[in-house]
Protein backbone atom coordinates (compact mmCIF):
# COMPACT_ATOMS: atom_id res chain seq x y z
CA UNK A 1 0.00 0.00 0.00
CA UNK A 2 2.78 2.46 0.82
CA UNK A 3 4.30 1.84 -2.60
CA UNK A 4 1.12 3.02 -4.34
CA UNK A 5 1.09 6.51 -2.74
CA UNK A 6 3.00 9.14 -4.71
CA UNK A 7 4.11 12.05 -2.56
CA UNK A 8 6.04 13.90 -5.27
CA UNK A 9 5.00 17.50 -5.94
CA UNK A 10 2.66 18.00 -8.87
CA UNK A 11 4.11 19.32 -12.10
CA UNK A 12 3.28 23.01 -12.49
CA UNK A 13 4.06 24.60 -15.85
CA UNK A 14 6.16 27.79 -15.91
CA UNK A 15 4.03 30.94 -16.30
CA UNK A 16 4.10 32.52 -19.73
CA UNK A 17 5.16 36.10 -20.45
CA UNK A 18 1.53 37.24 -20.73
CA UNK A 19 0.66 35.65 -17.39
CA UNK A 20 3.61 37.41 -15.74
CA UNK A 21 2.61 40.79 -17.23
CA UNK A 22 -0.98 40.31 -16.04
CA UNK A 23 0.15 39.20 -12.58
CA UNK A 24 2.50 42.13 -11.98
CA UNK A 25 0.07 44.58 -13.56
CA UNK A 26 -2.58 43.54 -11.07
CA UNK A 27 -0.12 44.01 -8.20
CA UNK A 28 0.81 47.52 -9.38
CA UNK A 29 -2.88 48.39 -9.85
CA UNK A 30 -3.69 47.27 -6.31
CA UNK A 31 -0.78 49.26 -4.88
CA UNK A 32 -1.87 52.35 -6.85
CA UNK A 33 -5.42 52.03 -5.52
CA UNK A 34 -4.14 51.75 -1.94
CA UNK A 35 -2.02 54.87 -2.42
CA UNK A 36 -5.04 56.77 -3.77
CA UNK A 37 -7.22 55.69 -0.85
CA UNK A 38 -4.53 56.67 1.65
CA UNK A 39 -4.18 60.07 -0.07
CA UNK A 40 -7.87 60.69 0.53
CA UNK A 41 -7.84 59.48 4.12
CA UNK A 42 -4.56 61.17 5.11
CA UNK A 43 -4.41 64.55 3.34
CA UNK A 44 -1.22 66.58 3.59
CA UNK A 45 -1.91 69.82 5.51
CA UNK A 46 -1.08 73.05 3.69
CA UNK A 47 0.78 75.86 5.36
CA UNK A 48 -1.12 79.00 6.39
CA UNK A 49 1.45 81.22 4.76
CA UNK A 50 0.68 79.89 1.29
CA UNK A 51 -3.08 80.05 1.85
CA UNK A 52 -2.99 83.65 3.07
CA UNK A 53 -0.88 84.82 0.13
CA UNK A 54 -3.04 83.07 -2.45
CA UNK A 55 -6.20 84.43 -0.82
CA UNK A 56 -4.88 88.01 -0.91
CA UNK A 57 -3.96 87.80 -4.59
CA UNK A 58 -7.30 86.28 -5.51
CA UNK A 59 -9.31 88.89 -3.61
CA UNK A 60 -7.35 91.77 -5.16
CA UNK A 61 -7.70 90.35 -8.67
CA UNK A 62 -11.44 89.79 -8.45
CA UNK A 63 -13.22 93.08 -8.94
CA UNK A 64 -16.96 92.97 -9.37
CA UNK A 65 -18.20 95.12 -12.19
CA UNK A 66 -21.75 96.40 -12.08
CA UNK A 67 -23.80 94.79 -14.79
CA UNK A 68 -25.92 96.80 -17.16
CA UNK A 69 -28.85 94.46 -16.54
CA UNK A 70 -29.08 95.46 -12.90
CA UNK A 71 -29.67 99.14 -13.76
CA UNK A 72 -32.73 98.30 -15.84
CA UNK A 73 -34.36 96.39 -12.98
CA UNK A 74 -36.03 99.56 -11.72
CA UNK A 75 -37.54 100.27 -15.11
CA UNK A 76 -40.63 98.41 -16.19
CA UNK A 77 -40.29 96.53 -19.47
CA UNK A 78 -42.35 97.90 -22.32
CA UNK A 79 -45.20 95.78 -23.52
CA UNK A 80 -44.96 94.82 -27.13
CA UNK A 81 -48.35 94.85 -28.77
CA UNK A 82 -49.26 94.42 -32.37
CA UNK A 83 -50.77 97.35 -34.14
CA UNK A 84 -54.34 96.89 -35.22
CA UNK A 85 -55.01 97.73 -38.84
C-alpha cells in the first residue's frame, strides 16, 4: 500500500510572459489604488502662509463690475403689442 502513494510534488508549468505581465500589472494596480485611498484618508496639511498669500492675490484680482442688466431692474419693461389695422 505504501508503494502506491506518490508524494512527489505536482508538475506546475512555468508561467508565460503574458501571465507574468498580467500578474504584476494587477499588483501595481492594487498598490496604486491603496495609495489613492490613503491620499484621501490622510491629506497633507497646507501651510497657512501659502493660503494667506493666495487668498490676498485672488481677492485683489477679483473686482466685481456692475452689470448693465441690474440698472434696468427699476424700469418696467415695455409691452410689445401688435398694431391693429
